[in-house]
Amino acid sequence: MRFIPIMFIGLAAALWWLDAEGLVSNLNTDNSHADLYVLALACLCYALLVMLPFVPGVELGYVIMMAFGLEGIVAVYFSTALSLFLSFLMGYFFRGHSTFTVFKNKLMNKNRCVYNKRAKIIVYMLKVFKRQPYLAVALLLNLPGNALIGGGGGIALMAGSSGQLQPYKYLFTVLLATSIIPFLLILGLSG
């Protein structure tokens, strides 16, 4: 897990060295829809990565937003909401499944104190905000450095497996919680 940031830094350096923007602009002159294809592929990869626990998705989203401007901001917003909802649904529907229970118990195992502390933070927040668990999810998703406690995918997976949240209310919460940064960026672009 600790090699993932190094991989992304290496990939970013390689793309900068290869002048990826120039290559995309050359593709754009040959094919008018090339930028749309690249954006769709980038958002698909981004959505799949955000679904995984302990992946710093916000930083990946910023790269796409900066590269594609307004279209990238909108695409990343909907990709984030969709991937967090799919991760929640995986936890929600497989919460009683034996394999998922074993995985959840390994996260909560006292012998693995690093994962234990991370998972306990999510469970603790849901217990503290038992009357308002959706507020807890919104706060956890917007918490700086939430990749240390599971990232968006891990938070969504644990929230779904808790059984406290209803899917449609969770989706509404995610749409509101993840709209802050895109809204501010769109205001900045238009101003």
C-alpha atoms as a PDB file:
ATOM      1  CA  MET A   1       0.000   0.000   0.000  1.00  0.00           C
ATOM      2  CA  ARG A   2       2.795   2.436   0.762  1.00  0.00           C
ATOM      3  CA  PHE A   3       4.199   2.098  -2.758  1.00  0.00           C
ATOM      4  CA  ILE A   4       1.046   3.462  -4.421  1.00  0.00           C
ATOM      5  CA  PRO A   5       1.935   7.163  -3.886  1.00  0.00           C
ATOM      6  CA  ILE A   6       5.425   6.487  -5.237  1.00  0.00           C
ATOM      7  CA  MET A   7       3.855   4.855  -8.309  1.00  0.00           C
ATOM      8  CA  PHE A   8       1.641   7.874  -8.946  1.00  0.00           C
ATOM      9  CA  ILE A   9       4.526  10.312  -8.503  1.00  0.00           C
ATOM     10  CA  GLY A  10       6.571   8.222 -10.929  1.00  0.00           C
ATOM     11  CA  LEU A  11       3.689   8.131 -13.400  1.00  0.00           C
ATOM     12  CA  ALA A  12       3.219  11.903 -13.126  1.00  0.00           C
ATOM     13  CA  ALA A  13       6.948  12.468 -13.704  1.00  0.00           C
ATOM     14  CA  ALA A  14       6.911  10.141 -16.714  1.00  0.00           C
ATOM     15  CA  LEU A  15       3.886  11.903 -18.221  1.00  0.00           C
ATOM     16  CA  TRP A  16       5.539  15.291 -17.667  1.00  0.00           C
ATOM     17  CA  TRP A  17       8.769  14.069 -19.254  1.00  0.00           C
ATOM     18  CA  LEU A  18       6.885  12.601 -22.232  1.00  0.00           C
ATOM     19  CA  ASP A  19       4.910  15.840 -22.633  1.00  0.00           C
ATOM     20  CA  ALA A  20       1.512  14.143 -22.299  1.00  0.00           C
ATOM     21  CA  GLU A  21      -0.329  17.412 -22.863  1.00  0.00           C
ATOM     22  CA  GLY A  22       1.414  17.867 -26.209  1.00  0.00           C
ATOM     23  CA  LEU A  23       0.597  14.297 -27.200  1.00  0.00           C
ATOM     24  CA  VAL A  24      -3.068  14.792 -26.298  1.00  0.00           C
ATOM     25  CA  SER A  25      -3.197  18.075 -28.218  1.00  0.00           C
ATOM     26  CA  ASN A  26      -1.705  16.313 -31.274  1.00  0.00           C
ATOM     27  CA  LEU A  27      -4.375  13.640 -30.931  1.00  0.00           C
ATOM     28  CA  ASN A  28      -6.946  16.387 -30.659  1.00  0.00           C
ATOM     29  CA  THR A  29      -6.012  17.861 -34.035  1.00  0.00           C
ATOM     30  CA  ASP A  30      -6.404  14.449 -35.698  1.00  0.00           C
ATOM     31  CA  ASN A  31      -9.561  13.397 -33.867  1.00  0.00           C
ATOM     32  CA  SER A  32     -12.040  15.931 -32.514  1.00  0.00           C
ATOM     33  CA  HIS A  33     -13.299  13.522 -29.826  1.00  0.00           C
ATOM     34  CA  ALA A  34      -9.922  12.381 -28.516  1.00  0.00           C
ATOM     35  CA  ASP A  35     -10.078  14.615 -25.451  1.00  0.00           C
ATOM     36  CA  LEU A  36     -13.490  13.167 -24.582  1.00  0.00           C
ATOM     37  CA  TYR A  37     -12.105   9.627 -24.844  1.00  0.00           C
ATOM     38  CA  VAL A  38      -9.124  10.466 -22.678  1.00  0.00           C
ATOM     39  CA  LEU A  39     -11.379  12.146 -20.082  1.00  0.00           C
ATOM     40  CA  ALA A  40     -13.731   9.145 -20.019  1.00  0.00           C
ATOM     41  CA  LEU A  41     -10.826   6.730 -19.612  1.00  0.00           C
ATOM     42  CA  ALA A  42      -9.244   8.865 -16.878  1.00  0.00           C
ATOM     43  CA  CYS A  43     -12.552   9.081 -14.987  1.00  0.00           C
ATOM     44  CA  LEU A  44     -13.123   5.335 -15.291  1.00  0.00           C
ATOM     45  CA  CYS A  45      -9.678   4.604 -13.845  1.00  0.00           C
ATOM     46  CA  TYR A  46     -10.235   7.252 -11.176  1.00  0.00           C
ATOM     47  CA  ALA A  47     -13.616   5.788 -10.179  1.00  0.00           C
ATOM     48  CA  LEU A  48     -12.176   2.285  -9.886  1.00  0.00           C
ATOM     49  CA  LEU A  49      -9.317   3.532  -7.716  1.00  0.00           C
ATOM     50  CA  VAL A  50     -11.560   5.608  -5.441  1.00  0.00           C
ATOM     51  CA  MET A  51     -13.629   2.501  -4.693  1.00  0.00           C
ATOM     52  CA  LEU A  52     -10.585   0.871  -3.088  1.00  0.00           C
ATOM     53  CA  PRO A  53      -9.898   1.436   0.608  1.00  0.00           C
ATOM     54  CA  PHE A  54      -6.846   3.548   1.561  1.00  0.00           C
ATOM     55  CA  VAL A  55      -6.461   5.183  -1.856  1.00  0.00           C
ATOM     56  CA  PRO A  56      -6.012   8.986  -1.756  1.00  0.00           C
ATOM     57  CA  GLY A  57      -8.696   9.757  -4.315  1.00  0.00           C
ATOM     58  CA  VAL A  58      -8.841  13.518  -3.885  1.00  0.00           C
ATOM     59  CA  GLU A  59      -5.351  14.001  -5.233  1.00  0.00           C
ATOM     60  CA  LEU A  60      -6.107  11.870  -8.267  1.00  0.00           C
ATOM     61  CA  GLY A  61      -9.272  13.877  -8.881  1.00  0.00           C
ATOM     62  CA  TYR A  62      -7.334  17.148  -8.710  1.00  0.00           C
ATOM     63  CA  VAL A  63      -5.036  15.949 -11.492  1.00  0.00           C
ATOM     64  CA  ILE A  64      -7.994  15.226 -13.788  1.00  0.00           C
ATOM     65  CA  MET A  65      -9.666  18.523 -12.853  1.00  0.00           C
ATOM     66  CA  MET A  66      -6.535  20.513 -13.642  1.00  0.00           C
ATOM     67  CA  ALA A  67      -5.928  18.700 -16.914  1.00  0.00           C
ATOM     68  CA  PHE A  68      -9.437  19.037 -18.345  1.00  0.00           C
ATOM     69  CA  GLY A  69     -10.855  22.183 -16.758  1.00  0.00           C
ATOM     70  CA  LEU A  70     -14.627  22.536 -16.405  1.00  0.00           C
ATOM     71  CA  GLU A  71     -15.420  19.234 -18.138  1.00  0.00           C
ATOM     72  CA  GLY A  72     -12.953  17.471 -15.859  1.00  0.00           C
ATOM     73  CA  ILE A  73     -14.482  19.022 -12.739  1.00  0.00           C
ATOM     74  CA  VAL A  74     -17.972  17.839 -13.644  1.00  0.00           C
ATOM     75  CA  ALA A  75     -16.751  14.385 -14.701  1.00  0.00           C
ATOM     76  CA  VAL A  76     -14.722  13.901 -11.514  1.00  0.00           C
ATOM     77  CA  TYR A  77     -17.670  15.003  -9.371  1.00  0.00           C
ATOM     78  CA  PHE A  78     -20.005  12.412 -10.863  1.00  0.00           C
ATOM     79  CA  SER A  79     -17.276   9.739 -10.954  1.00  0.00           C
ATOM     80  CA  THR A  80     -16.586  10.304  -7.264  1.00  0.00           C
ATOM     81  CA  ALA A  81     -20.248  10.098  -6.299  1.00  0.00           C
ATOM     82  CA  LEU A  82     -20.779   6.965  -8.385  1.00  0.00           C
ATOM     83  CA  SER A  83     -17.689   5.166  -7.084  1.00  0.00           C
ATOM     84  CA  LEU A  84     -18.444   6.000  -3.434  1.00  0.00           C
ATOM     85  CA  PHE A  85     -22.010   4.812  -3.912  1.00  0.00           C
ATOM     86  CA  LEU A  86     -20.865   1.549  -5.518  1.00  0.00           C
ATOM     87  CA  SER A  87     -18.414   0.974  -2.675  1.00  0.00           C
ATOM     88  CA  PHE A  88     -21.219   1.628  -0.183  1.00  0.00           C
ATOM     89  CA  LEU A  89     -23.480  -0.840  -2.002  1.00  0.00           C
ATOM     90  CA  MET A  90     -20.765  -3.514  -1.864  1.00  0.00           C
ATOM     91  CA  GLY A  91     -20.602  -3.110   1.899  1.00  0.00           C
ATOM     92  CA  TYR A  92     -24.372  -2.866   2.208  1.00  0.00           C
ATOM     93  CA  PHE A  93     -25.247  -5.985   0.230  1.00  0.00           C
ATOM     94  CA  PHE A  94     -22.346  -8.161   1.402  1.00  0.00           C
ATOM     95  CA  ARG A  95     -22.474  -7.217   5.091  1.00  0.00           C
ATOM     96  CA  GLY A  96     -23.858 -10.641   6.064  1.00  0.00           C
ATOM     97  CA  HIS A  97     -21.667 -12.623   3.656  1.00  0.00           C
ATOM     98  CA  SER A  98     -19.082 -14.804   5.373  1.00  0.00           C
ATOM     99  CA  THR A  99     -16.114 -13.586   3.303  1.00  0.00           C
ATOM    100  CA  PHE A 100     -16.947  -9.943   3.956  1.00  0.00           C
ATOM    101  CA  THR A 101     -17.448 -10.651   7.676  1.00  0.00           C
ATOM    102  CA  VAL A 102     -13.992 -12.239   7.806  1.00  0.00           C
ATOM    103  CA  PHE A 103     -12.532  -9.176   6.019  1.00  0.00           C
ATOM    104  CA  LYS A 104     -14.313  -6.813   8.432  1.00  0.00           C
ATOM    105  CA  ASN A 105     -13.145  -8.834  11.444  1.00  0.00           C
ATOM    106  CA  LYS A 106      -9.564  -8.695  10.171  1.00  0.00           C
ATOM    107  CA  LEU A 107      -9.855  -4.909   9.981  1.00  0.00           C
ATOM    108  CA  MET A 108     -11.145  -4.853  13.548  1.00  0.00           C
ATOM    109  CA  ASN A 109      -8.671  -7.475  14.861  1.00  0.00           C
ATOM    110  CA  LYS A 110      -6.767  -6.314  17.926  1.00  0.00           C
ATOM    111  CA  ASN A 111      -3.566  -8.022  16.751  1.00  0.00           C
ATOM    112  CA  ARG A 112      -3.350  -5.650  13.781  1.00  0.00           C
ATOM    113  CA  CYS A 113      -3.467  -2.388  15.714  1.00  0.00           C
ATOM    114  CA  VAL A 114      -2.785  -0.106  12.705  1.00  0.00           C
ATOM    115  CA  TYR A 115      -5.847  -1.284  10.776  1.00  0.00           C
ATOM    116  CA  ASN A 116      -7.739  -1.649  14.038  1.00  0.00           C
ATOM    117  CA  LYS A 117      -7.307   2.051  14.869  1.00  0.00           C
ATOM    118  CA  ARG A 118      -8.293   3.139  11.366  1.00  0.00           C
ATOM    119  CA  ALA A 119     -11.458   1.058  11.283  1.00  0.00           C
ATOM    120  CA  LYS A 120     -12.323   2.003  14.847  1.00  0.00           C
ATOM    121  CA  ILE A 121     -12.283   5.706  13.935  1.00  0.00           C
ATOM    122  CA  ILE A 122     -14.973   5.113  11.330  1.00  0.00           C
ATOM    123  CA  VAL A 123     -17.054   2.944  13.665  1.00  0.00           C
ATOM    124  CA  TYR A 124     -16.559   5.445  16.507  1.00  0.00           C
ATOM    125  CA  MET A 125     -17.719   8.348  14.341  1.00  0.00           C
ATOM    126  CA  LEU A 126     -20.801   6.374  13.339  1.00  0.00           C
ATOM    127  CA  LYS A 127     -21.513   5.599  17.002  1.00  0.00           C
ATOM    128  CA  VAL A 128     -20.976   9.196  18.122  1.00  0.00           C
ATOM    129  CA  PHE A 129     -23.287  10.443  15.420  1.00  0.00           C
ATOM    130  CA  LYS A 130     -25.751   7.579  15.852  1.00  0.00           C
ATOM    131  CA  ARG A 131     -28.654   9.971  15.590  1.00  0.00           C
ATOM    132  CA  GLN A 132     -27.066  11.657  12.562  1.00  0.00           C
ATOM    133  CA  PRO A 133     -24.888   9.044  10.809  1.00  0.00           C
ATOM    134  CA  TYR A 134     -25.148  10.869   7.491  1.00  0.00           C
ATOM    135  CA  LEU A 135     -23.459  13.891   9.040  1.00  0.00           C
ATOM    136  CA  ALA A 136     -20.681  11.601  10.249  1.00  0.00           C
ATOM    137  CA  VAL A 137     -20.173  10.228   6.728  1.00  0.00           C
ATOM    138  CA  ALA A 138     -20.119  13.740   5.248  1.00  0.00           C
ATOM    139  CA  LEU A 139     -17.536  14.858   7.829  1.00  0.00           C
ATOM    140  CA  LEU A 140     -15.374  11.772   7.297  1.00  0.00           C
ATOM    141  CA  LEU A 141     -15.422  12.177   3.510  1.00  0.00           C
ATOM    142  CA  ASN A 142     -14.311  15.811   3.831  1.00  0.00           C
ATOM    143  CA  LEU A 143     -11.736  15.130   6.555  1.00  0.00           C
ATOM    144  CA  PRO A 144      -8.254  16.139   5.364  1.00  0.00           C
ATOM    145  CA  GLY A 145      -6.028  13.086   5.106  1.00  0.00           C
ATOM    146  CA  ASN A 146      -8.909  10.633   5.295  1.00  0.00           C
ATOM    147  CA  ALA A 147      -6.809   8.174   3.277  1.00  0.00           C
ATOM    148  CA  LEU A 148      -5.163   7.287   6.592  1.00  0.00           C
ATOM    149  CA  ILE A 149      -8.465   5.969   7.951  1.00  0.00           C
ATOM    150  CA  GLY A 150      -9.584   4.229   4.780  1.00  0.00           C
ATOM    151  CA  GLY A 151     -10.098   6.930   2.195  1.00  0.00           C
ATOM    152  CA  GLY A 152     -13.427   7.475   0.512  1.00  0.00           C
ATOM    153  CA  GLY A 153     -13.712   3.845  -0.554  1.00  0.00           C
ATOM    154  CA  GLY A 154     -12.977   2.485   2.907  1.00  0.00           C
ATOM    155  CA  ILE A 155     -15.323   4.932   4.590  1.00  0.00           C
ATOM    156  CA  ALA A 156     -18.097   4.043   2.130  1.00  0.00           C
ATOM    157  CA  LEU A 157     -17.468   0.315   2.529  1.00  0.00           C
ATOM    158  CA  MET A 158     -17.573   0.485   6.337  1.00  0.00           C
ATOM    159  CA  ALA A 159     -20.634   2.765   6.284  1.00  0.00           C
ATOM    160  CA  GLY A 160     -22.437   0.291   4.056  1.00  0.00           C
ATOM    161  CA  SER A 161     -21.465  -2.675   6.188  1.00  0.00           C
ATOM    162  CA  SER A 162     -22.684  -0.935   9.337  1.00  0.00           C
ATOM    163  CA  GLY A 163     -26.281  -1.304   8.184  1.00  0.00           C
ATOM    164  CA  GLN A 164     -27.208   2.076   9.738  1.00  0.00           C
ATOM    165  CA  LEU A 165     -27.569   3.972   6.476  1.00  0.00           C
ATOM    166  CA  GLN A 166     -30.137   3.706   3.718  1.00  0.00           C
ATOM    167  CA  PRO A 167     -28.694   3.705   0.164  1.00  0.00           C
ATOM    168  CA  TYR A 168     -30.725   6.569  -1.300  1.00  0.00           C
ATOM    169  CA  LYS A 169     -30.069   8.838   1.702  1.00  0.00           C
ATOM    170  CA  TYR A 170     -26.390   7.898   1.558  1.00  0.00           C
ATOM    171  CA  LEU A 171     -26.261   8.812  -2.145  1.00  0.00           C
ATOM    172  CA  PHE A 172     -27.834  12.195  -1.400  1.00  0.00           C
ATOM    173  CA  THR A 173     -25.288  12.734   1.394  1.00  0.00           C
ATOM    174  CA  VAL A 174     -22.382  11.864  -0.918  1.00  0.00           C
ATOM    175  CA  LEU A 175     -23.687  14.176  -3.645  1.00  0.00           C
ATOM    176  CA  LEU A 176     -23.790  17.039  -1.141  1.00  0.00           C
ATOM    177  CA  ALA A 177     -20.529  16.210   0.660  1.00  0.00           C
ATOM    178  CA  THR A 178     -18.472  15.882  -2.508  1.00  0.00           C
ATOM    179  CA  SER A 179     -19.904  18.988  -4.169  1.00  0.00           C
ATOM    180  CA  ILE A 180     -17.989  21.525  -2.083  1.00  0.00           C
ATOM    181  CA  ILE A 181     -14.656  21.514  -3.938  1.00  0.00           C
ATOM    182  CA  PRO A 182     -16.125  21.207  -7.474  1.00  0.00           C
ATOM    183  CA  PHE A 183     -18.536  24.062  -6.742  1.00  0.00           C
ATOM    184  CA  LEU A 184     -15.708  26.299  -5.516  1.00  0.00           C
ATOM    185  CA  LEU A 185     -13.547  25.375  -8.525  1.00  0.00           C
ATOM    186  CA  ILE A 186     -16.374  26.145 -10.961  1.00  0.00           C
ATOM    187  CA  LEU A 187     -16.894  29.522  -9.255  1.00  0.00           C
ATOM    188  CA  GLY A 188     -13.167  30.166  -9.577  1.00  0.00           C
ATOM    189  CA  LEU A 189     -13.177  29.329 -13.278  1.00  0.00           C
ATOM    190  CA  SER A 190     -16.141  31.539 -14.029  1.00  0.00           C
ATOM    191  CA  GLY A 191     -14.856  34.479 -11.980  1.00  0.00           C
END
